[in-house]
Structures are given as C-alpha cells and as structure tokens.
C-alpha atoms as a PDB file:
ATOM      1  CA  MET A   1     -31.434  -5.631 -13.281  1.00  0.00           C
ATOM      2  CA  LYS A   2     -33.080  -2.464 -12.043  1.00  0.00           C
ATOM      3  CA  GLN A   3     -30.573  -2.263  -9.318  1.00  0.00           C
ATOM      4  CA  PHE A   4     -27.398  -2.821 -11.801  1.00  0.00           C
ATOM      5  CA  LEU A   5     -28.373  -0.161 -13.962  1.00  0.00           C
ATOM      6  CA  PHE A   6     -29.128   2.160 -10.954  1.00  0.00           C
ATOM      7  CA  LEU A   7     -25.656   1.303  -9.813  1.00  0.00           C
ATOM      8  CA  LEU A   8     -24.363   2.360 -12.564  1.00  0.00           C
ATOM      9  CA  LEU A   9     -26.274   5.618 -13.181  1.00  0.00           C
ATOM     10  CA  VAL A  10     -24.720   6.798  -9.172  1.00  0.00           C
ATOM     11  CA  SER A  11     -21.289   5.156 -10.615  1.00  0.00           C
ATOM     12  CA  ILE A  12     -21.841   7.717 -13.312  1.00  0.00           C
ATOM     13  CA  ILE A  13     -22.506  10.645 -11.546  1.00  0.00           C
ATOM     14  CA  LEU A  14     -20.781  10.045  -8.711  1.00  0.00           C
ATOM     15  CA  GLY A  15     -17.333   9.654 -10.858  1.00  0.00           C
ATOM     16  CA  GLY A  16     -16.846  13.261 -10.795  1.00  0.00           C
ATOM     17  CA  CYS A  17     -16.032  12.885  -7.424  1.00  0.00           C
ATOM     18  CA  SER A  18     -12.237  11.611  -8.231  1.00  0.00           C
ATOM     19  CA  ALA A  19      -9.653  11.683  -5.638  1.00  0.00           C
ATOM     20  CA  LYS A  20      -7.250  12.194  -8.864  1.00  0.00           C
ATOM     21  CA  GLN A  21      -4.836  14.920  -8.775  1.00  0.00           C
ATOM     22  CA  ASP A  22      -3.424  17.278 -11.439  1.00  0.00           C
ATOM     23  CA  ALA A  23       0.180  16.174 -10.251  1.00  0.00           C
ATOM     24  CA  LEU A  24       2.159  14.229  -7.682  1.00  0.00           C
ATOM     25  CA  HIS A  25       3.343  16.178  -4.400  1.00  0.00           C
ATOM     26  CA  VAL A  26       4.811  16.404  -1.486  1.00  0.00           C
ATOM     27  CA  MET A  27       4.660  19.000   1.029  1.00  0.00           C
ATOM     28  CA  PRO A  28       8.194  19.742   2.541  1.00  0.00           C
ATOM     29  CA  ASP A  29       6.934  20.294   5.924  1.00  0.00           C
ATOM     30  CA  GLN A  30       5.046  17.117   6.147  1.00  0.00           C
ATOM     31  CA  VAL A  31       8.100  15.609   5.032  1.00  0.00           C
ATOM     32  CA  SER A  32      10.115  16.601   7.798  1.00  0.00           C
ATOM     33  CA  ALA A  33       7.115  16.459  10.613  1.00  0.00           C
ATOM     34  CA  LEU A  34       6.972  12.875   9.502  1.00  0.00           C
ATOM     35  CA  THR A  35      10.900  12.305   9.496  1.00  0.00           C
ATOM     36  CA  SER A  36      11.098  13.645  12.849  1.00  0.00           C
ATOM     37  CA  GLU A  37       8.734  11.388  14.345  1.00  0.00           C
ATOM     38  CA  LEU A  38      10.531   8.714  12.810  1.00  0.00           C
ATOM     39  CA  THR A  39      13.756   9.364  14.629  1.00  0.00           C
ATOM     40  CA  GLN A  40      11.870   9.446  16.877  1.00  0.00           C
ATOM     41  CA  LEU A  41      11.343   5.647  17.416  1.00  0.00           C
ATOM     42  CA  SER A  42      15.103   5.419  18.581  1.00  0.00           C
ATOM     43  CA  PRO A  43      18.536   7.011  18.636  1.00  0.00           C
ATOM     44  CA  ASP A  44      19.547   3.740  15.826  1.00  0.00           C
ATOM     45  CA  VAL A  45      17.173   5.020  12.931  1.00  0.00           C
ATOM     46  CA  ASP A  46      18.906   6.780  10.889  1.00  0.00           C
ATOM     47  CA  TYR A  47      18.092  10.147   9.540  1.00  0.00           C
ATOM     48  CA  GLN A  48      18.792  10.059   5.952  1.00  0.00           C
ATOM     49  CA  GLU A  49      16.956   6.656   5.625  1.00  0.00           C
ATOM     50  CA  ALA A  50      13.615   8.021   8.028  1.00  0.00           C
ATOM     51  CA  ARG A  51      13.923  10.886   5.176  1.00  0.00           C
ATOM     52  CA  MET A  52      13.336   8.846   1.902  1.00  0.00           C
ATOM     53  CA  PHE A  53      11.144   6.493   4.357  1.00  0.00           C
ATOM     54  CA  ALA A  54       8.720   9.680   4.459  1.00  0.00           C
ATOM     55  CA  TYR A  55       9.274  10.679   1.500  1.00  0.00           C
ATOM     56  CA  GLU A  56       8.326   7.336  -0.201  1.00  0.00           C
ATOM     57  CA  SER A  57       5.480   6.887   2.073  1.00  0.00           C
ATOM     58  CA  LEU A  58       4.127  10.167   1.442  1.00  0.00           C
ATOM     59  CA  LEU A  59       4.256  10.025  -2.465  1.00  0.00           C
ATOM     60  CA  TYR A  60       3.251   6.654  -3.281  1.00  0.00           C
ATOM     61  CA  PRO A  61      -0.465   6.467  -2.095  1.00  0.00           C
ATOM     62  CA  GLN A  62      -0.446   9.295  -4.469  1.00  0.00           C
ATOM     63  CA  ILE A  63       0.781   6.978  -7.600  1.00  0.00           C
ATOM     64  CA  LEU A  64      -1.362   4.104  -6.002  1.00  0.00           C
ATOM     65  CA  ALA A  65      -4.824   6.681  -5.989  1.00  0.00           C
ATOM     66  CA  GLU A  66      -3.801   7.300  -9.839  1.00  0.00           C
ATOM     67  CA  ARG A  67      -2.996   3.782 -10.537  1.00  0.00           C
ATOM     68  CA  TYR A  68      -6.422   2.541  -8.856  1.00  0.00           C
ATOM     69  CA  GLY A  69      -8.464   5.150 -10.368  1.00  0.00           C
ATOM     70  CA  LEU A  70      -9.673   6.395  -7.167  1.00  0.00           C
ATOM     71  CA  VAL A  71     -12.753   8.037  -5.996  1.00  0.00           C
ATOM     72  CA  TYR A  72     -13.661   9.595  -2.733  1.00  0.00           C
ATOM     73  CA  PRO A  73     -14.610   9.136  -0.417  1.00  0.00           C
ATOM     74  CA  PRO A  74     -12.579   5.277   0.616  1.00  0.00           C
ATOM     75  CA  THR A  75     -16.029   3.706   1.485  1.00  0.00           C
ATOM     76  CA  PHE A  76     -17.579   4.490  -1.713  1.00  0.00           C
ATOM     77  CA  HIS A  77     -14.422   2.914  -3.403  1.00  0.00           C
ATOM     78  CA  ASN A  78     -14.829  -0.368  -1.681  1.00  0.00           C
ATOM     79  CA  PHE A  79     -18.066  -0.047  -2.721  1.00  0.00           C
ATOM     80  CA  LEU A  80     -17.096   0.317  -5.987  1.00  0.00           C
ATOM     81  CA  ILE A  81     -15.027  -2.412  -6.036  1.00  0.00           C
ATOM     82  CA  ASN A  82     -17.336  -4.747  -3.794  1.00  0.00           C
ATOM     83  CA  THR A  83     -20.050  -4.530  -6.667  1.00  0.00           C
ATOM     84  CA  GLY A  84     -17.415  -5.558  -9.557  1.00  0.00           C
ATOM     85  CA  LEU A  85     -17.283  -1.944 -11.043  1.00  0.00           C
ATOM     86  CA  LYS A  86     -13.851  -1.418  -9.705  1.00  0.00           C
ATOM     87  CA  ASP A  87     -10.814  -3.646  -9.812  1.00  0.00           C
ATOM     88  CA  ARG A  88      -8.242  -2.676  -6.940  1.00  0.00           C
ATOM     89  CA  GLY A  89      -8.348  -0.130  -3.792  1.00  0.00           C
ATOM     90  CA  LEU A  90      -9.458  -2.185  -0.655  1.00  0.00           C
ATOM     91  CA  CYS A  91      -7.338  -0.949   2.132  1.00  0.00           C
ATOM     92  CA  TYR A  92      -5.704  -4.347   2.646  1.00  0.00           C
ATOM     93  CA  GLN A  93      -4.875  -3.929  -0.931  1.00  0.00           C
ATOM     94  CA  TRP A  94      -3.114  -0.446  -0.538  1.00  0.00           C
ATOM     95  CA  SER A  95      -1.071  -2.240   2.110  1.00  0.00           C
ATOM     96  CA  GLU A  96       0.021  -4.863  -0.098  1.00  0.00           C
ATOM     97  CA  ASP A  97       1.189  -2.336  -2.630  1.00  0.00           C
ATOM     98  CA  MET A  98       2.365   0.244   0.165  1.00  0.00           C
ATOM     99  CA  ILE A  99       4.335  -2.894   1.991  1.00  0.00           C
ATOM    100  CA  THR A 100       5.632  -4.402  -1.004  1.00  0.00           C
ATOM    101  CA  HIS A 101       6.920  -0.786  -2.425  1.00  0.00           C
ATOM    102  CA  LEU A 102       8.511   0.380   0.978  1.00  0.00           C
ATOM    103  CA  LYS A 103      10.086  -3.334   1.772  1.00  0.00           C
ATOM    104  CA  SER A 104      11.573  -2.957  -1.774  1.00  0.00           C
ATOM    105  CA  LEU A 105      13.887  -0.291  -0.708  1.00  0.00           C
ATOM    106  CA  LYS A 106      15.860  -2.038   1.647  1.00  0.00           C
ATOM    107  CA  TYR A 107      15.702  -0.062   4.970  1.00  0.00           C
ATOM    108  CA  GLN A 108      18.477  -1.274   7.490  1.00  0.00           C
ATOM    109  CA  SER A 109      17.080   0.706  10.478  1.00  0.00           C
ATOM    110  CA  ALA A 110      13.334   0.351  10.410  1.00  0.00           C
ATOM    111  CA  ASP A 111      11.004  -2.927  10.201  1.00  0.00           C
ATOM    112  CA  LEU A 112       7.773  -2.945   8.193  1.00  0.00           C
ATOM    113  CA  ARG A 113       4.406  -4.790   9.912  1.00  0.00           C
ATOM    114  CA  TRP A 114       1.196  -5.496   9.034  1.00  0.00           C
ATOM    115  CA  GLY A 115      -1.668  -3.620  11.544  1.00  0.00           C
ATOM    116  CA  VAL A 116      -4.741  -4.343  11.837  1.00  0.00           C
ATOM    117  CA  ALA A 117      -7.942  -3.097  13.542  1.00  0.00           C
ATOM    118  CA  ASN A 118     -11.231  -4.542  13.936  1.00  0.00           C
ATOM    119  CA  LYS A 119      -9.932  -8.324  12.485  1.00  0.00           C
ATOM    120  CA  GLY A 120     -12.798 -10.608  10.867  1.00  0.00           C
ATOM    121  CA  GLU A 121     -15.465  -7.822  10.970  1.00  0.00           C
ATOM    122  CA  PHE A 122     -17.005  -5.833   8.407  1.00  0.00           C
ATOM    123  CA  ASN A 123     -15.852  -2.559   9.621  1.00  0.00           C
ATOM    124  CA  GLU A 124     -12.037  -4.686   9.293  1.00  0.00           C
ATOM    125  CA  HIS A 125      -9.397  -2.072   8.413  1.00  0.00           C
ATOM    126  CA  ASN A 126      -5.487  -2.885   7.597  1.00  0.00           C
ATOM    127  CA  SER A 127      -2.541  -0.730   7.363  1.00  0.00           C
ATOM    128  CA  VAL A 128       1.428  -0.438   7.411  1.00  0.00           C
ATOM    129  CA  VAL A 129       3.009  -0.084  10.351  1.00  0.00           C
ATOM    130  CA  VAL A 130       7.113   1.259  10.708  1.00  0.00           C
ATOM    131  CA  VAL A 131       9.055   0.584  13.642  1.00  0.00           C
ATOM    132  CA  ALA A 132      12.462   0.768  14.901  1.00  0.00           C
ATOM    133  CA  LYS A 133      14.880  -2.509  13.685  1.00  0.00           C
ATOM    134  CA  GLY A 134      13.435  -4.669  16.245  1.00  0.00           C
ATOM    135  CA  ALA A 135      11.474  -3.190  18.205  1.00  0.00           C
ATOM    136  CA  PRO A 136       8.036  -4.364  19.140  1.00  0.00           C
ATOM    137  CA  PHE A 137       5.043  -3.523  17.329  1.00  0.00           C
ATOM    138  CA  ARG A 138       2.941  -1.471  19.886  1.00  0.00           C
ATOM    139  CA  THR A 139       5.915   1.191  19.483  1.00  0.00           C
ATOM    140  CA  GLY A 140       5.613   1.715  16.137  1.00  0.00           C
ATOM    141  CA  ILE A 141       3.707   4.736  13.760  1.00  0.00           C
ATOM    142  CA  LEU A 142       1.076   3.806  11.593  1.00  0.00           C
ATOM    143  CA  ILE A 143       1.400   4.088   8.083  1.00  0.00           C
ATOM    144  CA  ASP A 144      -2.218   4.109   6.239  1.00  0.00           C
ATOM    145  CA  PRO A 145      -2.234   5.245   2.693  1.00  0.00           C
ATOM    146  CA  TRP A 146      -6.574   4.288   2.366  1.00  0.00           C
ATOM    147  CA  ARG A 147      -8.216   6.337   4.577  1.00  0.00           C
ATOM    148  CA  ASN A 148      -7.648   9.732   3.214  1.00  0.00           C
ATOM    149  CA  SER A 149      -7.976   8.514  -0.275  1.00  0.00           C
ATOM    150  CA  GLY A 150      -4.131   8.444  -1.083  1.00  0.00           C
ATOM    151  CA  VAL A 151      -3.434  11.495   1.178  1.00  0.00           C
ATOM    152  CA  LEU A 152      -1.311   9.466   3.957  1.00  0.00           C
ATOM    153  CA  TYR A 153      -2.124   9.660   7.571  1.00  0.00           C
ATOM    154  CA  TRP A 154      -0.336   9.067  10.070  1.00  0.00           C
ATOM    155  CA  ALA A 155       0.146   8.411  14.149  1.00  0.00           C
ATOM    156  CA  LYS A 156       1.896   6.694  16.769  1.00  0.00           C
ATOM    157  CA  ILE A 157      -0.229   3.171  16.852  1.00  0.00           C
ATOM    158  CA  GLY A 158      -1.836   4.562  20.435  1.00  0.00           C
ATOM    159  CA  ASP A 159      -2.738   7.888  19.450  1.00  0.00           C
ATOM    160  CA  ASP A 160      -5.066   6.772  16.225  1.00  0.00           C
ATOM    161  CA  PRO A 161      -8.635   7.546  17.621  1.00  0.00           C
ATOM    162  CA  ASP A 162     -10.128   5.709  15.147  1.00  0.00           C
ATOM    163  CA  TYR A 163      -8.874   2.364  15.332  1.00  0.00           C
ATOM    164  CA  LYS A 164      -7.079   0.133  18.078  1.00  0.00           C
ATOM    165  CA  TRP A 165      -4.211  -1.492  16.285  1.00  0.00           C
ATOM    166  CA  VAL A 166      -2.976  -5.074  16.731  1.00  0.00           C
ATOM    167  CA  GLU A 167       0.214  -6.828  14.387  1.00  0.00           C
ATOM    168  CA  ASN A 168      -1.235  -9.540  12.245  1.00  0.00           C
ATOM    169  CA  LEU A 169       1.517 -11.728  12.285  1.00  0.00           C
ATOM    170  CA  GLU A 170       0.366 -14.308   9.693  1.00  0.00           C
ATOM    171  CA  ARG A 171       0.669 -11.077   7.053  1.00  0.00           C
ATOM    172  CA  SER A 172       3.735 -10.137   8.233  1.00  0.00           C
ATOM    173  CA  ARG A 173       5.407 -12.756   7.886  1.00  0.00           C
ATOM    174  CA  TYR A 174       4.196 -13.342   4.818  1.00  0.00           C
ATOM    175  CA  TYR A 175       5.273 -10.221   3.659  1.00  0.00           C
ATOM    176  CA  GLY A 176       9.141 -11.248   4.964  1.00  0.00           C
ATOM    177  CA  THR A 177       8.777  -8.204   7.725  1.00  0.00           C
ATOM    178  CA  VAL A 178       9.277 -10.138  11.112  1.00  0.00           C
ATOM    179  CA  GLU A 179      11.015 -13.142  11.491  1.00  0.00           C
ATOM    180  CA  ARG A 180       9.715 -16.418  11.224  1.00  0.00           C
END
C-alpha cells in the first residue's frame, strides 16, 4: 500500500511535467526538410505526396500526445502505463496509431514498414519506417513520434545514433505494409 501511495504522490507531483502543447502546429521548415529527405528516397517519390506525408507525420504525433495525456519524459510516461496510471503511449502503440493513420492516407509512391530495435530486450523500441514504393527497409527513413514525446524525430535508418533498426516483418505484414 505504501508503494501505491508513493507512486500516486509521484504521479501527482510530476503531472505538471505534462508534454501538452497549447495548440497544434507544424513548422514549415520542418515540413520542407522532411519533404526533401522523402523525395531523395527515389525519383519516383511524388513531391506533393511527400509534402503531405511530411505534414501528417509532423502533426499526428501532437494529436496522439494529447490523446494519450502525455507526460515527459517518455520513459516516465511508460512507467505510468506499466503501473496502470495511464492507458496508452508505449512506443509500439505510437507506431500502431501512426502506421494506421498514415496508411489510411493511401500514399502511392511510398510504403510503410514496422521497425524494431533491440527486439525482445528490456529496451525494445518500435517505430514506423517509410521507404520508396517497393524499396528495401534499409533504405528508409525512421518516423519516430515517441522519442521526443510527440515531437517527431526522423532520420535515415543507418543514421540513428541511438538504435540499430531492423524490420519487424510480422508487424509489417500484420498492418499490410509489405507483401504477404
């Protein structure tokens, strides 16, 4: 009982560490930067589609942060979920929601894949990876909404200093983002 009261007290005190933002906003320079990286995936990536993908990838994590009642840092939010004080917001849940949303927009020149680092380990991390239509996973760009608490982090798969990514084929197939 003492542990529960302690956890409750810590949650109330740190509840002020909310990651909630006053208004949803996407910076035009970020849209331009991500659009540029997306169009560099292949000459076949449509510019307008890449721009829409970039905008949605930057905006939707903010919507999810509000929906999850996100608190900062993400590892503390995970703690709150694992102790039953929050319902949603683990990295794989961000990935589920992001891939479902982005897939619903039916991009024609890009594919979505499920990336995983440290699979099965305590520090397993999941995220969405976008590749040019039909391209290999290793050529993709990581779209990670969890890492910065709803502020999108992106990087080429091989350029992520924190994680070594591989495709989770089971998850990619489940979400219909690779051929069955």
